[in-house]
Amino acid sequence: MNTKYNKNGDLIYRKSIITNFEYWYKYNKNGQIIHKKCSNGFEYWSEFDENNNEVHCKNSNGEEVWFKYNKFNYQTEITEKEYKEIKFRIEEREYLSRTKCSRFEIMDI
């Protein structure tokens, strides 16, 4: 097995001496794999939230999955629409906490 690592010790390349397949890996700042690529053309992407939970993944075959997490941090598969609604509510809550006003106060302006 031929391998290469980045300065953080993360595997970024490997080549199987048995199958001759090559694999490339990219990581986010937290050391999580965000992109995998194989020499046969197959690719896989992942997105993570601020808690380092995987919230979205897709592959080069067109398959996509979104996730949410319960209070025990168990992963549940959800639809893209549900994911976007959750993300919107989080962003709205963060905005309102920064501006220290309610949604109704903004509407009255």
PDB file of N, CA and C in Angstrom:
ATOM      1  N   MET A   1       0.850  -1.174   0.000  1.00  0.00           N
ATOM      2  CA  MET A   1       0.000   0.000   0.000  1.00  0.00           C
ATOM      3  C   MET A   1       0.893   1.234   0.000  1.00  0.00           C
ATOM      4  N   ASN A   2       0.704   2.094  -0.971  1.00  0.00           N
ATOM      5  CA  ASN A   2       1.420   3.353  -1.078  1.00  0.00           C
ATOM      6  C   ASN A   2       0.544   4.436  -0.456  1.00  0.00           C
ATOM      7  N   THR A   3       1.068   5.188   0.514  1.00  0.00           N
ATOM      8  CA  THR A   3       0.268   6.203   1.212  1.00  0.00           C
ATOM      9  C   THR A   3       1.030   7.516   1.353  1.00  0.00           C
ATOM     10  N   LYS A   4       0.248   8.617   1.455  1.00  0.00           N
ATOM     11  CA  LYS A   4       0.799   9.939   1.737  1.00  0.00           C
ATOM     12  C   LYS A   4      -0.095  10.605   2.774  1.00  0.00           C
ATOM     13  N   TYR A   5       0.528  11.416   3.639  1.00  0.00           N
ATOM     14  CA  TYR A   5      -0.189  12.099   4.713  1.00  0.00           C
ATOM     15  C   TYR A   5       0.087  13.591   4.651  1.00  0.00           C
ATOM     16  N   ASN A   6      -0.862  14.396   5.155  1.00  0.00           N
ATOM     17  CA  ASN A   6      -0.625  15.839   5.238  1.00  0.00           C
ATOM     18  C   ASN A   6       0.120  16.157   6.529  1.00  0.00           C
ATOM     19  N   LYS A   7       0.378  17.440   6.778  1.00  0.00           N
ATOM     20  CA  LYS A   7       1.158  17.841   7.961  1.00  0.00           C
ATOM     21  C   LYS A   7       0.450  17.531   9.270  1.00  0.00           C
ATOM     22  N   ASN A   8      -0.886  17.301   9.229  1.00  0.00           N
ATOM     23  CA  ASN A   8      -1.641  16.952  10.437  1.00  0.00           C
ATOM     24  C   ASN A   8      -1.694  15.449  10.685  1.00  0.00           C
ATOM     25  N   GLY A   9      -1.079  14.686   9.791  1.00  0.00           N
ATOM     26  CA  GLY A   9      -1.091  13.233   9.933  1.00  0.00           C
ATOM     27  C   GLY A   9      -2.311  12.571   9.321  1.00  0.00           C
ATOM     28  N   ASP A  10      -3.099  13.341   8.557  1.00  0.00           N
ATOM     29  CA  ASP A  10      -4.289  12.796   7.896  1.00  0.00           C
ATOM     30  C   ASP A  10      -3.898  12.135   6.573  1.00  0.00           C
ATOM     31  N   LEU A  11      -4.470  10.986   6.315  1.00  0.00           N
ATOM     32  CA  LEU A  11      -4.236  10.278   5.063  1.00  0.00           C
ATOM     33  C   LEU A  11      -4.816  11.092   3.910  1.00  0.00           C
ATOM     34  N   ILE A  12      -4.005  11.449   2.922  1.00  0.00           N
ATOM     35  CA  ILE A  12      -4.506  12.218   1.781  1.00  0.00           C
ATOM     36  C   ILE A  12      -4.428  11.439   0.467  1.00  0.00           C
ATOM     37  N   TYR A  13      -3.682  10.350   0.458  1.00  0.00           N
ATOM     38  CA  TYR A  13      -3.554   9.539  -0.756  1.00  0.00           C
ATOM     39  C   TYR A  13      -3.183   8.115  -0.375  1.00  0.00           C
ATOM     40  N   ARG A  14      -3.795   7.180  -1.086  1.00  0.00           N
ATOM     41  CA  ARG A  14      -3.352   5.792  -0.949  1.00  0.00           C
ATOM     42  C   ARG A  14      -3.596   5.060  -2.254  1.00  0.00           C
ATOM     43  N   LYS A  15      -2.740   4.085  -2.511  1.00  0.00           N
ATOM     44  CA  LYS A  15      -2.860   3.267  -3.710  1.00  0.00           C
ATOM     45  C   LYS A  15      -2.731   1.815  -3.301  1.00  0.00           C
ATOM     46  N   SER A  16      -3.710   1.023  -3.678  1.00  0.00           N
ATOM     47  CA  SER A  16      -3.708  -0.395  -3.349  1.00  0.00           C
ATOM     48  C   SER A  16      -2.781  -1.138  -4.304  1.00  0.00           C
ATOM     49  N   ILE A  17      -1.869  -1.922  -3.759  1.00  0.00           N
ATOM     50  CA  ILE A  17      -0.978  -2.703  -4.617  1.00  0.00           C
ATOM     51  C   ILE A  17      -1.694  -3.923  -5.186  1.00  0.00           C
ATOM     52  N   ILE A  18      -2.831  -4.284  -4.607  1.00  0.00           N
ATOM     53  CA  ILE A  18      -3.598  -5.439  -5.092  1.00  0.00           C
ATOM     54  C   ILE A  18      -4.505  -5.033  -6.248  1.00  0.00           C
ATOM     55  N   THR A  19      -5.302  -3.971  -6.058  1.00  0.00           N
ATOM     56  CA  THR A  19      -6.269  -3.562  -7.086  1.00  0.00           C
ATOM     57  C   THR A  19      -5.756  -2.450  -7.989  1.00  0.00           C
ATOM     58  N   ASN A  20      -4.680  -1.794  -7.580  1.00  0.00           N
ATOM     59  CA  ASN A  20      -4.112  -0.648  -8.292  1.00  0.00           C
ATOM     60  C   ASN A  20      -5.026   0.582  -8.247  1.00  0.00           C
ATOM     61  N   PHE A  21      -6.084   0.546  -7.423  1.00  0.00           N
ATOM     62  CA  PHE A  21      -6.962   1.698  -7.254  1.00  0.00           C
ATOM     63  C   PHE A  21      -6.239   2.765  -6.448  1.00  0.00           C
ATOM     64  N   GLU A  22      -6.514   4.028  -6.804  1.00  0.00           N
ATOM     65  CA  GLU A  22      -5.966   5.153  -6.066  1.00  0.00           C
ATOM     66  C   GLU A  22      -7.118   5.895  -5.390  1.00  0.00           C
ATOM     67  N   TYR A  23      -6.834   6.444  -4.207  1.00  0.00           N
ATOM     68  CA  TYR A  23      -7.826   7.183  -3.430  1.00  0.00           C
ATOM     69  C   TYR A  23      -7.210   8.487  -2.950  1.00  0.00           C
ATOM     70  N   TRP A  24      -7.982   9.593  -3.042  1.00  0.00           N
ATOM     71  CA  TRP A  24      -7.552  10.894  -2.554  1.00  0.00           C
ATOM     72  C   TRP A  24      -8.561  11.382  -1.520  1.00  0.00           C
ATOM     73  N   TYR A  25      -8.076  12.092  -0.498  1.00  0.00           N
ATOM     74  CA  TYR A  25      -8.926  12.560   0.593  1.00  0.00           C
ATOM     75  C   TYR A  25      -8.639  14.029   0.884  1.00  0.00           C
ATOM     76  N   LYS A  26      -9.721  14.803   1.167  1.00  0.00           N
ATOM     77  CA  LYS A  26      -9.590  16.190   1.617  1.00  0.00           C
ATOM     78  C   LYS A  26     -10.321  16.312   2.944  1.00  0.00           C
ATOM     79  N   TYR A  27      -9.779  17.182   3.807  1.00  0.00           N
ATOM     80  CA  TYR A  27     -10.301  17.329   5.167  1.00  0.00           C
ATOM     81  C   TYR A  27     -10.688  18.774   5.447  1.00  0.00           C
ATOM     82  N   ASN A  28     -11.610  18.956   6.389  1.00  0.00           N
ATOM     83  CA  ASN A  28     -11.917  20.312   6.855  1.00  0.00           C
ATOM     84  C   ASN A  28     -10.949  20.672   7.977  1.00  0.00           C
ATOM     85  N   LYS A  29     -11.105  21.875   8.543  1.00  0.00           N
ATOM     86  CA  LYS A  29     -10.180  22.333   9.591  1.00  0.00           C
ATOM     87  C   LYS A  29     -10.261  21.488  10.862  1.00  0.00           C
ATOM     88  N   ASN A  30     -11.328  20.694  11.014  1.00  0.00           N
ATOM     89  CA  ASN A  30     -11.488  19.837  12.196  1.00  0.00           C
ATOM     90  C   ASN A  30     -11.013  18.406  11.954  1.00  0.00           C
ATOM     91  N   GLY A  31     -10.411  18.161  10.799  1.00  0.00           N
ATOM     92  CA  GLY A  31      -9.870  16.835  10.495  1.00  0.00           C
ATOM     93  C   GLY A  31     -10.895  15.827  10.016  1.00  0.00           C
ATOM     94  N   GLN A  32     -12.050  16.308   9.566  1.00  0.00           N
ATOM     95  CA  GLN A  32     -13.087  15.409   9.060  1.00  0.00           C
ATOM     96  C   GLN A  32     -12.992  15.335   7.543  1.00  0.00           C
ATOM     97  N   ILE A  33     -13.188  14.152   7.001  1.00  0.00           N
ATOM     98  CA  ILE A  33     -13.111  13.979   5.552  1.00  0.00           C
ATOM     99  C   ILE A  33     -14.312  14.664   4.910  1.00  0.00           C
ATOM    100  N   ILE A  34     -14.037  15.615   4.011  1.00  0.00           N
ATOM    101  CA  ILE A  34     -15.108  16.313   3.312  1.00  0.00           C
ATOM    102  C   ILE A  34     -15.186  15.911   1.834  1.00  0.00           C
ATOM    103  N   HIS A  35     -14.156  15.235   1.337  1.00  0.00           N
ATOM    104  CA  HIS A  35     -14.160  14.790  -0.056  1.00  0.00           C
ATOM    105  C   HIS A  35     -13.290  13.546  -0.197  1.00  0.00           C
ATOM    106  N   LYS A  36     -13.848  12.531  -0.845  1.00  0.00           N
ATOM    107  CA  LYS A  36     -13.096  11.314  -1.177  1.00  0.00           C
ATOM    108  C   LYS A  36     -13.230  11.101  -2.678  1.00  0.00           C
ATOM    109  N   LYS A  37     -12.151  10.693  -3.289  1.00  0.00           N
ATOM    110  CA  LYS A  37     -12.177  10.424  -4.724  1.00  0.00           C
ATOM    111  C   LYS A  37     -11.404   9.154  -5.004  1.00  0.00           C
ATOM    112  N   CYS A  38     -11.949   8.337  -5.896  1.00  0.00           N
ATOM    113  CA  CYS A  38     -11.317   7.072  -6.283  1.00  0.00           C
ATOM    114  C   CYS A  38     -10.919   7.159  -7.751  1.00  0.00           C
ATOM    115  N   SER A  39      -9.894   6.435  -8.124  1.00  0.00           N
ATOM    116  CA  SER A  39      -9.408   6.483  -9.506  1.00  0.00           C
ATOM    117  C   SER A  39     -10.426   5.958 -10.517  1.00  0.00           C
ATOM    118  N   ASN A  40     -11.477   5.269 -10.059  1.00  0.00           N
ATOM    119  CA  ASN A  40     -12.518   4.819 -10.988  1.00  0.00           C
ATOM    120  C   ASN A  40     -13.552   5.907 -11.255  1.00  0.00           C
ATOM    121  N   GLY A  41     -13.365   7.108 -10.650  1.00  0.00           N
ATOM    122  CA  GLY A  41     -14.249   8.234 -10.889  1.00  0.00           C
ATOM    123  C   GLY A  41     -15.290   8.469  -9.808  1.00  0.00           C
ATOM    124  N   PHE A  42     -15.448   7.529  -8.879  1.00  0.00           N
ATOM    125  CA  PHE A  42     -16.434   7.694  -7.815  1.00  0.00           C
ATOM    126  C   PHE A  42     -15.959   8.755  -6.824  1.00  0.00           C
ATOM    127  N   GLU A  43     -16.878   9.662  -6.431  1.00  0.00           N
ATOM    128  CA  GLU A  43     -16.559  10.706  -5.467  1.00  0.00           C
ATOM    129  C   GLU A  43     -17.643  10.770  -4.402  1.00  0.00           C
ATOM    130  N   TYR A  44     -17.252  11.271  -3.230  1.00  0.00           N
ATOM    131  CA  TYR A  44     -18.154  11.387  -2.079  1.00  0.00           C
ATOM    132  C   TYR A  44     -17.827  12.670  -1.337  1.00  0.00           C
ATOM    133  N   TRP A  45     -18.857  13.490  -1.041  1.00  0.00           N
ATOM    134  CA  TRP A  45     -18.687  14.749  -0.327  1.00  0.00           C
ATOM    135  C   TRP A  45     -19.500  14.735   0.961  1.00  0.00           C
ATOM    136  N   SER A  46     -18.992  15.384   2.002  1.00  0.00           N
ATOM    137  CA  SER A  46     -19.699  15.507   3.271  1.00  0.00           C
ATOM    138  C   SER A  46     -19.642  16.955   3.755  1.00  0.00           C
ATOM    139  N   GLU A  47     -20.718  17.384   4.429  1.00  0.00           N
ATOM    140  CA  GLU A  47     -20.768  18.693   5.086  1.00  0.00           C
ATOM    141  C   GLU A  47     -21.044  18.466   6.565  1.00  0.00           C
ATOM    142  N   PHE A  48     -20.451  19.314   7.399  1.00  0.00           N
ATOM    143  CA  PHE A  48     -20.592  19.192   8.846  1.00  0.00           C
ATOM    144  C   PHE A  48     -21.085  20.496   9.440  1.00  0.00           C
ATOM    145  N   ASP A  49     -21.809  20.406  10.564  1.00  0.00           N
ATOM    146  CA  ASP A  49     -22.280  21.612  11.237  1.00  0.00           C
ATOM    147  C   ASP A  49     -21.255  22.081  12.264  1.00  0.00           C
ATOM    148  N   GLU A  50     -21.612  23.136  13.007  1.00  0.00           N
ATOM    149  CA  GLU A  50     -20.692  23.713  13.993  1.00  0.00           C
ATOM    150  C   GLU A  50     -20.402  22.769  15.155  1.00  0.00           C
ATOM    151  N   ASN A  51     -21.206  21.700  15.304  1.00  0.00           N
ATOM    152  CA  ASN A  51     -20.963  20.695  16.350  1.00  0.00           C
ATOM    153  C   ASN A  51     -20.203  19.486  15.821  1.00  0.00           C
ATOM    154  N   ASN A  52     -19.679  19.593  14.603  1.00  0.00           N
ATOM    155  CA  ASN A  52     -18.921  18.527  13.935  1.00  0.00           C
ATOM    156  C   ASN A  52     -19.769  17.313  13.589  1.00  0.00           C
ATOM    157  N   ASN A  53     -21.073  17.512  13.456  1.00  0.00           N
ATOM    158  CA  ASN A  53     -21.976  16.445  13.028  1.00  0.00           C
ATOM    159  C   ASN A  53     -22.149  16.505  11.519  1.00  0.00           C
ATOM    160  N   GLU A  54     -22.131  15.366  10.878  1.00  0.00           N
ATOM    161  CA  GLU A  54     -22.376  15.334   9.440  1.00  0.00           C
ATOM    162  C   GLU A  54     -23.845  15.675   9.192  1.00  0.00           C
ATOM    163  N   VAL A  55     -24.104  16.694   8.377  1.00  0.00           N
ATOM    164  CA  VAL A  55     -25.472  17.121   8.110  1.00  0.00           C
ATOM    165  C   VAL A  55     -25.896  16.874   6.660  1.00  0.00           C
ATOM    166  N   HIS A  56     -24.947  16.608   5.786  1.00  0.00           N
ATOM    167  CA  HIS A  56     -25.276  16.381   4.378  1.00  0.00           C
ATOM    168  C   HIS A  56     -24.163  15.571   3.734  1.00  0.00           C
ATOM    169  N   CYS A  57     -24.544  14.622   2.903  1.00  0.00           N
ATOM    170  CA  CYS A  57     -23.551  13.889   2.108  1.00  0.00           C
ATOM    171  C   CYS A  57     -24.150  13.591   0.745  1.00  0.00           C
ATOM    172  N   LYS A  58     -23.278  13.514  -0.230  1.00  0.00           N
ATOM    173  CA  LYS A  58     -23.708  13.152  -1.579  1.00  0.00           C
ATOM    174  C   LYS A  58     -22.561  12.437  -2.274  1.00  0.00           C
ATOM    175  N   ASN A  59     -22.903  11.701  -3.342  1.00  0.00           N
ATOM    176  CA  ASN A  59     -21.864  11.018  -4.101  1.00  0.00           C
ATOM    177  C   ASN A  59     -22.052  11.269  -5.586  1.00  0.00           C
ATOM    178  N   SER A  60     -21.089  10.822  -6.356  1.00  0.00           N
ATOM    179  CA  SER A  60     -21.096  11.077  -7.793  1.00  0.00           C
ATOM    180  C   SER A  60     -22.167  10.281  -8.532  1.00  0.00           C
ATOM    181  N   ASN A  61     -22.856   9.374  -7.844  1.00  0.00           N
ATOM    182  CA  ASN A  61     -23.980   8.658  -8.447  1.00  0.00           C
ATOM    183  C   ASN A  61     -25.279   9.442  -8.322  1.00  0.00           C
ATOM    184  N   GLY A  62     -25.213  10.637  -7.696  1.00  0.00           N
ATOM    185  CA  GLY A  62     -26.389  11.478  -7.551  1.00  0.00           C
ATOM    186  C   GLY A  62     -27.186  11.220  -6.282  1.00  0.00           C
ATOM    187  N   GLU A  63     -26.710  10.368  -5.404  1.00  0.00           N
ATOM    188  CA  GLU A  63     -27.409  10.085  -4.151  1.00  0.00           C
ATOM    189  C   GLU A  63     -27.038  11.149  -3.123  1.00  0.00           C
ATOM    190  N   GLU A  64     -28.059  11.697  -2.436  1.00  0.00           N
ATOM    191  CA  GLU A  64     -27.845  12.709  -1.406  1.00  0.00           C
ATOM    192  C   GLU A  64     -28.671  12.372  -0.183  1.00  0.00           C
ATOM    193  N   VAL A  65     -28.113  12.685   0.996  1.00  0.00           N
ATOM    194  CA  VAL A  65     -28.814  12.442   2.253  1.00  0.00           C
ATOM    195  C   VAL A  65     -28.542  13.616   3.186  1.00  0.00           C
ATOM    196  N   TRP A  66     -29.573  14.053   3.923  1.00  0.00           N
ATOM    197  CA  TRP A  66     -29.454  15.097   4.938  1.00  0.00           C
ATOM    198  C   TRP A  66     -29.742  14.468   6.286  1.00  0.00           C
ATOM    199  N   PHE A  67     -29.139  15.027   7.336  1.00  0.00           N
ATOM    200  CA  PHE A  67     -29.299  14.478   8.673  1.00  0.00           C
ATOM    201  C   PHE A  67     -29.632  15.573   9.681  1.00  0.00           C
ATOM    202  N   LYS A  68     -30.333  15.193  10.748  1.00  0.00           N
ATOM    203  CA  LYS A  68     -30.491  16.035  11.927  1.00  0.00           C
ATOM    204  C   LYS A  68     -30.160  15.142  13.123  1.00  0.00           C
ATOM    205  N   TYR A  69     -29.999  15.767  14.281  1.00  0.00           N
ATOM    206  CA  TYR A  69     -29.590  15.048  15.476  1.00  0.00           C
ATOM    207  C   TYR A  69     -30.546  15.374  16.620  1.00  0.00           C
ATOM    208  N   ASN A  70     -30.885  14.362  17.415  1.00  0.00           N
ATOM    209  CA  ASN A  70     -31.760  14.608  18.558  1.00  0.00           C
ATOM    210  C   ASN A  70     -30.937  15.011  19.775  1.00  0.00           C
ATOM    211  N   LYS A  71     -31.606  15.208  20.911  1.00  0.00           N
ATOM    212  CA  LYS A  71     -30.905  15.692  22.100  1.00  0.00           C
ATOM    213  C   LYS A  71     -29.865  14.696  22.623  1.00  0.00           C
ATOM    214  N   PHE A  72     -29.940  13.445  22.196  1.00  0.00           N
ATOM    215  CA  PHE A  72     -28.948  12.438  22.593  1.00  0.00           C
ATOM    216  C   PHE A  72     -27.855  12.287  21.546  1.00  0.00           C
ATOM    217  N   ASN A  73     -27.894  13.174  20.536  1.00  0.00           N
ATOM    218  CA  ASN A  73     -26.930  13.206  19.444  1.00  0.00           C
ATOM    219  C   ASN A  73     -27.020  11.988  18.522  1.00  0.00           C
ATOM    220  N   TYR A  74     -28.222  11.401  18.428  1.00  0.00           N
ATOM    221  CA  TYR A  74     -28.449  10.310  17.487  1.00  0.00           C
ATOM    222  C   TYR A  74     -28.846  10.892  16.137  1.00  0.00           C
ATOM    223  N   GLN A  75     -28.272  10.360  15.095  1.00  0.00           N
ATOM    224  CA  GLN A  75     -28.486  10.852  13.744  1.00  0.00           C
ATOM    225  C   GLN A  75     -29.799  10.315  13.177  1.00  0.00           C
ATOM    226  N   THR A  76     -30.550  11.204  12.492  1.00  0.00           N
ATOM    227  CA  THR A  76     -31.787  10.834  11.827  1.00  0.00           C
ATOM    228  C   THR A  76     -31.748  11.384  10.412  1.00  0.00           C
ATOM    229  N   GLU A  77     -32.151  10.566   9.459  1.00  0.00           N
ATOM    230  CA  GLU A  77     -32.182  11.017   8.072  1.00  0.00           C
ATOM    231  C   GLU A  77     -33.423  11.872   7.855  1.00  0.00           C
ATOM    232  N   ILE A  78     -33.266  13.003   7.145  1.00  0.00           N
ATOM    233  CA  ILE A  78     -34.378  13.904   6.863  1.00  0.00           C
ATOM    234  C   ILE A  78     -34.343  14.324   5.402  1.00  0.00           C
ATOM    235  N   THR A  79     -35.380  15.035   4.965  1.00  0.00           N
ATOM    236  CA  THR A  79     -35.421  15.515   3.585  1.00  0.00           C
ATOM    237  C   THR A  79     -34.628  16.812   3.460  1.00  0.00           C
ATOM    238  N   GLU A  80     -34.328  17.190   2.235  1.00  0.00           N
ATOM    239  CA  GLU A  80     -33.619  18.446   1.986  1.00  0.00           C
ATOM    240  C   GLU A  80     -34.445  19.626   2.489  1.00  0.00           C
ATOM    241  N   LYS A  81     -35.755  19.574   2.275  1.00  0.00           N
ATOM    242  CA  LYS A  81     -36.635  20.659   2.720  1.00  0.00           C
ATOM    243  C   LYS A  81     -36.577  20.811   4.241  1.00  0.00           C
ATOM    244  N   GLU A  82     -36.644  19.697   4.974  1.00  0.00           N
ATOM    245  CA  GLU A  82     -36.563  19.751   6.441  1.00  0.00           C
ATOM    246  C   GLU A  82     -35.229  20.343   6.883  1.00  0.00           C
ATOM    247  N   TYR A  83     -34.149  19.933   6.210  1.00  0.00           N
ATOM    248  CA  TYR A  83     -32.828  20.448   6.553  1.00  0.00           C
ATOM    249  C   TYR A  83     -32.771  21.962   6.358  1.00  0.00           C
ATOM    250  N   LYS A  84     -33.287  22.459   5.249  1.00  0.00           N
ATOM    251  CA  LYS A  84     -33.259  23.897   4.974  1.00  0.00           C
ATOM    252  C   LYS A  84     -34.106  24.666   5.982  1.00  0.00           C
ATOM    253  N   GLU A  85     -35.234  24.107   6.408  1.00  0.00           N
ATOM    254  CA  GLU A  85     -36.070  24.760   7.422  1.00  0.00           C
ATOM    255  C   GLU A  85     -35.341  24.841   8.761  1.00  0.00           C
ATOM    256  N   ILE A  86     -34.673  23.774   9.151  1.00  0.00           N
ATOM    257  CA  ILE A  86     -33.913  23.764  10.404  1.00  0.00           C
ATOM    258  C   ILE A  86     -32.791  24.798  10.340  1.00  0.00           C
ATOM    259  N   LYS A  87     -32.059  24.806   9.226  1.00  0.00           N
ATOM    260  CA  LYS A  87     -30.957  25.751   9.060  1.00  0.00           C
ATOM    261  C   LYS A  87     -31.462  27.191   9.115  1.00  0.00           C
ATOM    262  N   PHE A  88     -32.620  27.458   8.474  1.00  0.00           N
ATOM    263  CA  PHE A  88     -33.195  28.801   8.504  1.00  0.00           C
ATOM    264  C   PHE A  88     -33.544  29.207   9.934  1.00  0.00           C
ATOM    265  N   ARG A  89     -34.167  28.311  10.705  1.00  0.00           N
ATOM    266  CA  ARG A  89     -34.541  28.637  12.089  1.00  0.00           C
ATOM    267  C   ARG A  89     -33.315  28.927  12.946  1.00  0.00           C
ATOM    268  N   ILE A  90     -32.239  28.174  12.755  1.00  0.00           N
ATOM    269  CA  ILE A  90     -31.005  28.407  13.507  1.00  0.00           C
ATOM    270  C   ILE A  90     -30.429  29.775  13.149  1.00  0.00           C
ATOM    271  N   GLU A  91     -30.353  30.076  11.855  1.00  0.00           N
ATOM    272  CA  GLU A  91     -29.812  31.366  11.420  1.00  0.00           C
ATOM    273  C   GLU A  91     -30.681  32.516  11.913  1.00  0.00           C
ATOM    274  N   GLU A  92     -32.004  32.353  11.890  1.00  0.00           N
ATOM    275  CA  GLU A  92     -32.911  33.389  12.381  1.00  0.00           C
ATOM    276  C   GLU A  92     -32.700  33.622  13.878  1.00  0.00           C
ATOM    277  N   ARG A  93     -32.590  32.543  14.646  1.00  0.00           N
ATOM    278  CA  ARG A  93     -32.370  32.657  16.088  1.00  0.00           C
ATOM    279  C   ARG A  93     -31.047  33.365  16.382  1.00  0.00           C
ATOM    280  N   GLU A  94     -29.995  33.028  15.630  1.00  0.00           N
ATOM    281  CA  GLU A  94     -28.700  33.685  15.823  1.00  0.00           C
ATOM    282  C   GLU A  94     -28.785  35.170  15.479  1.00  0.00           C
ATOM    283  N   TYR A  95     -29.482  35.516  14.406  1.00  0.00           N
ATOM    284  CA  TYR A  95     -29.634  36.921  14.011  1.00  0.00           C
ATOM    285  C   TYR A  95     -30.399  37.690  15.080  1.00  0.00           C
ATOM    286  N   LEU A  96     -31.516  37.126  15.539  1.00  0.00           N
ATOM    287  CA  LEU A  96     -32.334  37.811  16.533  1.00  0.00           C
ATOM    288  C   LEU A  96     -31.583  37.983  17.846  1.00  0.00           C
ATOM    289  N   SER A  97     -30.743  37.023  18.198  1.00  0.00           N
ATOM    290  CA  SER A  97     -29.980  37.156  19.443  1.00  0.00           C
ATOM    291  C   SER A  97     -28.914  38.253  19.314  1.00  0.00           C
ATOM    292  N   ARG A  98     -28.382  38.444  18.115  1.00  0.00           N
ATOM    293  CA  ARG A  98     -27.392  39.506  17.893  1.00  0.00           C
ATOM    294  C   ARG A  98     -28.044  40.880  17.889  1.00  0.00           C
ATOM    295  N   THR A  99     -29.248  40.976  17.328  1.00  0.00           N
ATOM    296  CA  THR A  99     -29.913  42.275  17.215  1.00  0.00           C
ATOM    297  C   THR A  99     -30.744  42.596  18.451  1.00  0.00           C
ATOM    298  N   LYS A 100     -30.974  41.594  19.297  1.00  0.00           N
ATOM    299  CA  LYS A 100     -31.747  41.752  20.543  1.00  0.00           C
ATOM    300  C   LYS A 100     -33.135  42.321  20.290  1.00  0.00           C
ATOM    301  N   CYS A 101     -33.762  41.865  19.211  1.00  0.00           N
ATOM    302  CA  CYS A 101     -35.148  42.257  18.966  1.00  0.00           C
ATOM    303  C   CYS A 101     -35.892  41.052  18.409  1.00  0.00           C
ATOM    304  N   SER A 102     -37.182  41.124  18.415  1.00  0.00           N
ATOM    305  CA  SER A 102     -37.978  40.000  17.943  1.00  0.00           C
ATOM    306  C   SER A 102     -38.308  40.164  16.470  1.00  0.00           C
ATOM    307  N   ARG A 103     -38.786  39.108  15.881  1.00  0.00           N
ATOM    308  CA  ARG A 103     -39.197  39.122  14.505  1.00  0.00           C
ATOM    309  C   ARG A 103     -40.333  40.129  14.300  1.00  0.00           C
ATOM    310  N   PHE A 104     -41.207  40.265  15.280  1.00  0.00           N
ATOM    311  CA  PHE A 104     -42.335  41.177  15.174  1.00  0.00           C
ATOM    312  C   PHE A 104     -41.882  42.625  15.241  1.00  0.00           C
ATOM    313  N   GLU A 105     -40.845  42.909  16.019  1.00  0.00           N
ATOM    314  CA  GLU A 105     -40.301  44.267  16.077  1.00  0.00           C
ATOM    315  C   GLU A 105     -39.706  44.657  14.723  1.00  0.00           C
ATOM    316  N   ILE A 106     -39.096  43.717  14.059  1.00  0.00           N
ATOM    317  CA  ILE A 106     -38.509  43.986  12.740  1.00  0.00           C
ATOM    318  C   ILE A 106     -39.618  44.297  11.740  1.00  0.00           C
ATOM    319  N   MET A 107     -40.744  43.576  11.826  1.00  0.00           N
ATOM    320  CA  MET A 107     -41.856  43.802  10.911  1.00  0.00           C
ATOM    321  C   MET A 107     -42.478  45.170  11.088  1.00  0.00           C
ATOM    322  N   ASP A 108     -42.455  45.732  12.286  1.00  0.00           N
ATOM    323  CA  ASP A 108     -43.075  47.022  12.579  1.00  0.00           C
ATOM    324  C   ASP A 108     -42.258  48.202  12.076  1.00  0.00           C
ATOM    325  N   ILE A 109     -41.013  47.956  11.731  1.00  0.00           N
ATOM    326  CA  ILE A 109     -40.139  49.060  11.306  1.00  0.00           C
ATOM    327  C   ILE A 109     -40.538  49.565   9.944  1.00  0.00           C
TER     328      ILE A 109
END
